[in-house]
Amino acid sequence: MKPINDHVKIIELLDFYGVLLPPSQAERMRHYYYDNYTLSELAQMYQVSRTAVHDQIQRGTQKLYDYEKKLALHAKAKTRQELMNELRNASRDETIIALIDALEKVE
């Protein structure tokens, strides 16, 4: 089983890049990572072997990491959010805070 930090990272990457995966792969990964289905449950649900489900999830996970390595959308969004939080905490100006709130809604 993967450490919880890896699990969370994959969920975040799936949020960013899941639409780039084949629909069946994305669906199985969502069931596995979001809904905590076991490999055996997924295999039974899709009438395939446990190994087939495992391989598809592993390939999908690697694709997500590859997308992040090339595009870095997750890292950029995380940095952007941290900077907006710092700005919000540093400012007492309601106009600036309102602009930060508006920026967050664009995300």
N, C-alpha and C. Protein backbone atom coordinates (compact mmCIF):
# COMPACT_ATOMS: atom_id res chain seq x y z
N MET A 1 0.84 -1.19 0.00
CA MET A 1 0.00 0.00 0.00
C MET A 1 0.88 1.25 0.00
N LYS A 2 0.45 2.24 -0.73
CA LYS A 2 1.22 3.49 -0.84
C LYS A 2 1.07 4.32 0.43
N PRO A 3 2.11 5.07 0.79
CA PRO A 3 1.98 6.00 1.93
C PRO A 3 0.87 7.02 1.65
N ILE A 4 0.27 7.54 2.68
CA ILE A 4 -0.86 8.46 2.55
C ILE A 4 -0.50 9.69 1.72
N ASN A 5 0.75 10.19 1.84
CA ASN A 5 1.15 11.36 1.05
C ASN A 5 1.12 11.06 -0.43
N ASP A 6 1.55 9.86 -0.83
CA ASP A 6 1.49 9.47 -2.24
C ASP A 6 0.04 9.39 -2.70
N HIS A 7 -0.80 8.83 -1.86
CA HIS A 7 -2.22 8.68 -2.18
C HIS A 7 -2.85 10.06 -2.41
N VAL A 8 -2.58 10.98 -1.53
CA VAL A 8 -3.12 12.34 -1.64
C VAL A 8 -2.59 13.01 -2.91
N LYS A 9 -1.31 12.86 -3.17
CA LYS A 9 -0.70 13.46 -4.37
C LYS A 9 -1.37 12.93 -5.63
N ILE A 10 -1.61 11.63 -5.69
CA ILE A 10 -2.24 11.04 -6.87
C ILE A 10 -3.67 11.56 -7.03
N ILE A 11 -4.39 11.71 -5.93
CA ILE A 11 -5.74 12.28 -6.00
C ILE A 11 -5.69 13.69 -6.56
N GLU A 12 -4.73 14.49 -6.08
CA GLU A 12 -4.60 15.86 -6.59
C GLU A 12 -4.26 15.87 -8.07
N LEU A 13 -3.36 15.00 -8.49
CA LEU A 13 -3.00 14.92 -9.91
C LEU A 13 -4.18 14.43 -10.74
N LEU A 14 -4.95 13.51 -10.20
CA LEU A 14 -6.14 13.02 -10.89
C LEU A 14 -7.15 14.15 -11.07
N ASP A 15 -7.25 15.04 -10.08
CA ASP A 15 -8.12 16.21 -10.21
C ASP A 15 -7.67 17.11 -11.36
N PHE A 16 -6.38 17.27 -11.52
CA PHE A 16 -5.83 18.14 -12.57
C PHE A 16 -5.84 17.49 -13.95
N TYR A 17 -5.42 16.25 -14.02
CA TYR A 17 -5.14 15.62 -15.31
C TYR A 17 -6.04 14.44 -15.64
N GLY A 18 -6.98 14.11 -14.79
CA GLY A 18 -7.84 12.94 -15.03
C GLY A 18 -8.56 12.97 -16.36
N VAL A 19 -8.92 14.16 -16.82
CA VAL A 19 -9.63 14.28 -18.10
C VAL A 19 -8.75 13.88 -19.29
N LEU A 20 -7.44 13.82 -19.08
CA LEU A 20 -6.53 13.44 -20.16
C LEU A 20 -6.37 11.93 -20.28
N LEU A 21 -6.83 11.20 -19.29
CA LEU A 21 -6.74 9.74 -19.31
C LEU A 21 -7.92 9.18 -20.11
N PRO A 22 -7.76 7.97 -20.65
CA PRO A 22 -8.92 7.32 -21.27
C PRO A 22 -10.04 7.21 -20.24
N PRO A 23 -11.29 7.41 -20.65
CA PRO A 23 -12.40 7.43 -19.68
C PRO A 23 -12.47 6.19 -18.78
N SER A 24 -12.25 5.01 -19.33
CA SER A 24 -12.34 3.80 -18.49
C SER A 24 -11.23 3.78 -17.45
N GLN A 25 -10.05 4.23 -17.83
CA GLN A 25 -8.94 4.26 -16.88
C GLN A 25 -9.19 5.30 -15.79
N ALA A 26 -9.65 6.47 -16.18
CA ALA A 26 -9.95 7.52 -15.21
C ALA A 26 -11.03 7.07 -14.24
N GLU A 27 -12.04 6.39 -14.74
CA GLU A 27 -13.13 5.90 -13.89
C GLU A 27 -12.61 4.90 -12.86
N ARG A 28 -11.80 3.97 -13.29
CA ARG A 28 -11.26 2.97 -12.37
C ARG A 28 -10.34 3.61 -11.34
N MET A 29 -9.57 4.59 -11.78
CA MET A 29 -8.67 5.27 -10.84
C MET A 29 -9.48 6.07 -9.82
N ARG A 30 -10.58 6.69 -10.26
CA ARG A 30 -11.42 7.43 -9.31
C ARG A 30 -12.03 6.48 -8.28
N HIS A 31 -12.52 5.33 -8.76
CA HIS A 31 -13.07 4.35 -7.81
C HIS A 31 -11.99 3.90 -6.82
N TYR A 32 -10.80 3.68 -7.31
CA TYR A 32 -9.72 3.18 -6.45
C TYR A 32 -9.25 4.25 -5.47
N TYR A 33 -8.98 5.46 -5.97
CA TYR A 33 -8.40 6.50 -5.11
C TYR A 33 -9.45 7.33 -4.36
N TYR A 34 -10.58 7.65 -4.97
CA TYR A 34 -11.59 8.46 -4.28
C TYR A 34 -12.51 7.61 -3.41
N ASP A 35 -12.96 6.48 -3.97
CA ASP A 35 -13.98 5.68 -3.31
C ASP A 35 -13.41 4.51 -2.51
N ASN A 36 -12.09 4.33 -2.57
CA ASN A 36 -11.39 3.28 -1.82
C ASN A 36 -11.85 1.86 -2.15
N TYR A 37 -12.20 1.65 -3.42
CA TYR A 37 -12.49 0.29 -3.86
C TYR A 37 -11.18 -0.50 -3.87
N THR A 38 -11.27 -1.78 -3.58
CA THR A 38 -10.07 -2.63 -3.67
C THR A 38 -9.89 -3.08 -5.10
N LEU A 39 -8.71 -3.58 -5.39
CA LEU A 39 -8.45 -4.12 -6.73
C LEU A 39 -9.41 -5.27 -7.03
N SER A 40 -9.65 -6.10 -6.04
CA SER A 40 -10.57 -7.23 -6.23
C SER A 40 -11.99 -6.76 -6.52
N GLU A 41 -12.44 -5.73 -5.81
CA GLU A 41 -13.79 -5.20 -6.06
C GLU A 41 -13.90 -4.63 -7.47
N LEU A 42 -12.87 -3.92 -7.89
CA LEU A 42 -12.88 -3.35 -9.24
C LEU A 42 -12.83 -4.45 -10.30
N ALA A 43 -12.03 -5.46 -10.06
CA ALA A 43 -11.93 -6.57 -11.01
C ALA A 43 -13.30 -7.23 -11.17
N GLN A 44 -13.97 -7.44 -10.06
CA GLN A 44 -15.30 -8.06 -10.12
C GLN A 44 -16.29 -7.13 -10.81
N MET A 45 -16.25 -5.84 -10.50
CA MET A 45 -17.16 -4.86 -11.08
C MET A 45 -17.02 -4.80 -12.61
N TYR A 46 -15.78 -4.83 -13.09
CA TYR A 46 -15.52 -4.68 -14.53
C TYR A 46 -15.29 -6.02 -15.23
N GLN A 47 -15.40 -7.10 -14.47
CA GLN A 47 -15.26 -8.45 -15.01
C GLN A 47 -13.93 -8.64 -15.75
N VAL A 48 -12.87 -8.23 -15.06
CA VAL A 48 -11.50 -8.43 -15.56
C VAL A 48 -10.68 -8.97 -14.39
N SER A 49 -9.45 -9.32 -14.68
CA SER A 49 -8.60 -9.84 -13.60
C SER A 49 -8.13 -8.71 -12.68
N ARG A 50 -7.79 -9.10 -11.48
CA ARG A 50 -7.22 -8.15 -10.52
C ARG A 50 -5.93 -7.55 -11.07
N THR A 51 -5.15 -8.38 -11.75
CA THR A 51 -3.89 -7.92 -12.35
C THR A 51 -4.15 -6.86 -13.42
N ALA A 52 -5.20 -7.06 -14.20
CA ALA A 52 -5.53 -6.08 -15.25
C ALA A 52 -5.87 -4.73 -14.64
N VAL A 53 -6.64 -4.74 -13.55
CA VAL A 53 -7.00 -3.49 -12.87
C VAL A 53 -5.75 -2.85 -12.29
N HIS A 54 -4.92 -3.65 -11.64
CA HIS A 54 -3.68 -3.14 -11.05
C HIS A 54 -2.79 -2.49 -12.12
N ASP A 55 -2.62 -3.17 -13.24
CA ASP A 55 -1.78 -2.63 -14.32
C ASP A 55 -2.35 -1.32 -14.86
N GLN A 56 -3.67 -1.27 -15.03
CA GLN A 56 -4.29 -0.05 -15.55
C GLN A 56 -4.11 1.12 -14.58
N ILE A 57 -4.25 0.86 -13.30
CA ILE A 57 -4.07 1.91 -12.30
C ILE A 57 -2.61 2.36 -12.25
N GLN A 58 -1.69 1.42 -12.33
CA GLN A 58 -0.26 1.76 -12.32
C GLN A 58 0.11 2.59 -13.55
N ARG A 59 -0.38 2.20 -14.72
CA ARG A 59 -0.10 2.97 -15.94
C ARG A 59 -0.72 4.36 -15.86
N GLY A 60 -1.93 4.43 -15.33
CA GLY A 60 -2.59 5.73 -15.18
C GLY A 60 -1.85 6.63 -14.22
N THR A 61 -1.37 6.05 -13.12
CA THR A 61 -0.60 6.81 -12.14
C THR A 61 0.67 7.36 -12.77
N GLN A 62 1.34 6.54 -13.54
CA GLN A 62 2.56 6.99 -14.22
C GLN A 62 2.26 8.11 -15.21
N LYS A 63 1.14 8.00 -15.92
CA LYS A 63 0.74 9.07 -16.85
C LYS A 63 0.52 10.38 -16.10
N LEU A 64 -0.13 10.30 -14.94
CA LEU A 64 -0.38 11.51 -14.16
C LEU A 64 0.93 12.18 -13.75
N TYR A 65 1.88 11.38 -13.28
CA TYR A 65 3.18 11.93 -12.90
C TYR A 65 3.91 12.50 -14.12
N ASP A 66 3.78 11.85 -15.27
CA ASP A 66 4.41 12.35 -16.50
C ASP A 66 3.80 13.69 -16.92
N TYR A 67 2.46 13.79 -16.84
CA TYR A 67 1.81 15.06 -17.17
C TYR A 67 2.30 16.17 -16.25
N GLU A 68 2.39 15.88 -14.96
CA GLU A 68 2.85 16.90 -14.02
C GLU A 68 4.30 17.29 -14.27
N LYS A 69 5.11 16.31 -14.62
CA LYS A 69 6.53 16.60 -14.90
C LYS A 69 6.65 17.55 -16.10
N LYS A 70 5.81 17.34 -17.11
CA LYS A 70 5.87 18.15 -18.32
C LYS A 70 5.16 19.49 -18.18
N LEU A 71 4.02 19.51 -17.50
CA LEU A 71 3.19 20.71 -17.46
C LEU A 71 3.27 21.48 -16.15
N ALA A 72 3.51 20.79 -15.06
CA ALA A 72 3.65 21.40 -13.72
C ALA A 72 2.44 22.24 -13.30
N LEU A 73 1.26 21.91 -13.77
CA LEU A 73 0.07 22.68 -13.41
C LEU A 73 -0.25 22.58 -11.92
N HIS A 74 -0.08 21.41 -11.36
CA HIS A 74 -0.35 21.21 -9.94
C HIS A 74 0.61 22.03 -9.08
N ALA A 75 1.88 21.96 -9.39
CA ALA A 75 2.89 22.71 -8.63
C ALA A 75 2.65 24.21 -8.73
N LYS A 76 2.32 24.67 -9.93
CA LYS A 76 2.06 26.10 -10.12
C LYS A 76 0.82 26.55 -9.35
N ALA A 77 -0.23 25.74 -9.37
CA ALA A 77 -1.46 26.08 -8.66
C ALA A 77 -1.23 26.11 -7.16
N LYS A 78 -0.44 25.17 -6.67
CA LYS A 78 -0.14 25.13 -5.24
C LYS A 78 0.65 26.37 -4.82
N THR A 79 1.65 26.73 -5.60
CA THR A 79 2.45 27.93 -5.32
C THR A 79 1.59 29.19 -5.39
N ARG A 80 0.73 29.26 -6.40
CA ARG A 80 -0.16 30.41 -6.56
C ARG A 80 -1.07 30.54 -5.34
N GLN A 81 -1.62 29.42 -4.86
CA GLN A 81 -2.51 29.45 -3.70
C GLN A 81 -1.75 29.89 -2.44
N GLU A 82 -0.55 29.40 -2.27
CA GLU A 82 0.26 29.81 -1.12
C GLU A 82 0.55 31.31 -1.14
N LEU A 83 0.86 31.84 -2.31
CA LEU A 83 1.14 33.28 -2.44
C LEU A 83 -0.12 34.11 -2.17
N MET A 84 -1.27 33.65 -2.66
CA MET A 84 -2.51 34.38 -2.40
C MET A 84 -2.83 34.36 -0.91
N ASN A 85 -2.58 33.24 -0.23
CA ASN A 85 -2.81 33.18 1.21
C ASN A 85 -1.90 34.14 1.95
N GLU A 86 -0.64 34.22 1.52
CA GLU A 86 0.30 35.16 2.14
C GLU A 86 -0.16 36.60 1.93
N LEU A 87 -0.59 36.92 0.72
CA LEU A 87 -1.10 38.26 0.44
C LEU A 87 -2.31 38.59 1.31
N ARG A 88 -3.22 37.64 1.41
CA ARG A 88 -4.42 37.86 2.21
C ARG A 88 -4.05 38.11 3.68
N ASN A 89 -3.12 37.33 4.19
CA ASN A 89 -2.71 37.48 5.59
C ASN A 89 -1.92 38.76 5.83
N ALA A 90 -1.22 39.25 4.81
CA ALA A 90 -0.39 40.44 4.97
C ALA A 90 -1.17 41.73 4.78
N SER A 91 -2.34 41.64 4.18
CA SER A 91 -3.09 42.85 3.85
C SER A 91 -4.27 43.06 4.78
N ARG A 92 -4.50 44.32 5.09
CA ARG A 92 -5.70 44.70 5.83
C ARG A 92 -6.65 45.47 4.91
N ASP A 93 -6.21 45.69 3.69
CA ASP A 93 -6.99 46.45 2.70
C ASP A 93 -8.09 45.55 2.13
N GLU A 94 -9.35 45.94 2.34
CA GLU A 94 -10.50 45.14 1.89
C GLU A 94 -10.54 45.01 0.36
N THR A 95 -10.07 46.02 -0.35
CA THR A 95 -10.06 45.96 -1.81
C THR A 95 -9.09 44.88 -2.29
N ILE A 96 -7.93 44.82 -1.69
CA ILE A 96 -6.94 43.80 -2.06
C ILE A 96 -7.46 42.40 -1.71
N ILE A 97 -8.07 42.27 -0.56
CA ILE A 97 -8.62 40.97 -0.15
C ILE A 97 -9.73 40.54 -1.12
N ALA A 98 -10.57 41.49 -1.53
CA ALA A 98 -11.63 41.18 -2.50
C ALA A 98 -11.04 40.74 -3.84
N LEU A 99 -9.95 41.37 -4.26
CA LEU A 99 -9.29 40.97 -5.51
C LEU A 99 -8.68 39.57 -5.39
N ILE A 100 -8.11 39.27 -4.25
CA ILE A 100 -7.55 37.92 -4.02
C ILE A 100 -8.68 36.89 -4.07
N ASP A 101 -9.81 37.21 -3.44
CA ASP A 101 -10.96 36.30 -3.47
C ASP A 101 -11.43 36.08 -4.92
N ALA A 102 -11.46 37.15 -5.70
CA ALA A 102 -11.87 37.04 -7.10
C ALA A 102 -10.89 36.18 -7.89
N LEU A 103 -9.60 36.35 -7.61
CA LEU A 103 -8.58 35.53 -8.28
C LEU A 103 -8.76 34.04 -7.97
N GLU A 104 -9.09 33.73 -6.73
CA GLU A 104 -9.29 32.32 -6.34
C GLU A 104 -10.48 31.71 -7.07
N LYS A 105 -11.50 32.51 -7.34
CA LYS A 105 -12.67 32.01 -8.05
C LYS A 105 -12.36 31.71 -9.51
N VAL A 106 -11.37 32.39 -10.07
CA VAL A 106 -10.96 32.14 -11.45
C VAL A 106 -10.35 30.76 -11.57
N GLU A 107 -9.63 30.33 -10.54
CA GLU A 107 -8.97 29.03 -10.54
C GLU A 107 -10.01 27.98 -10.75
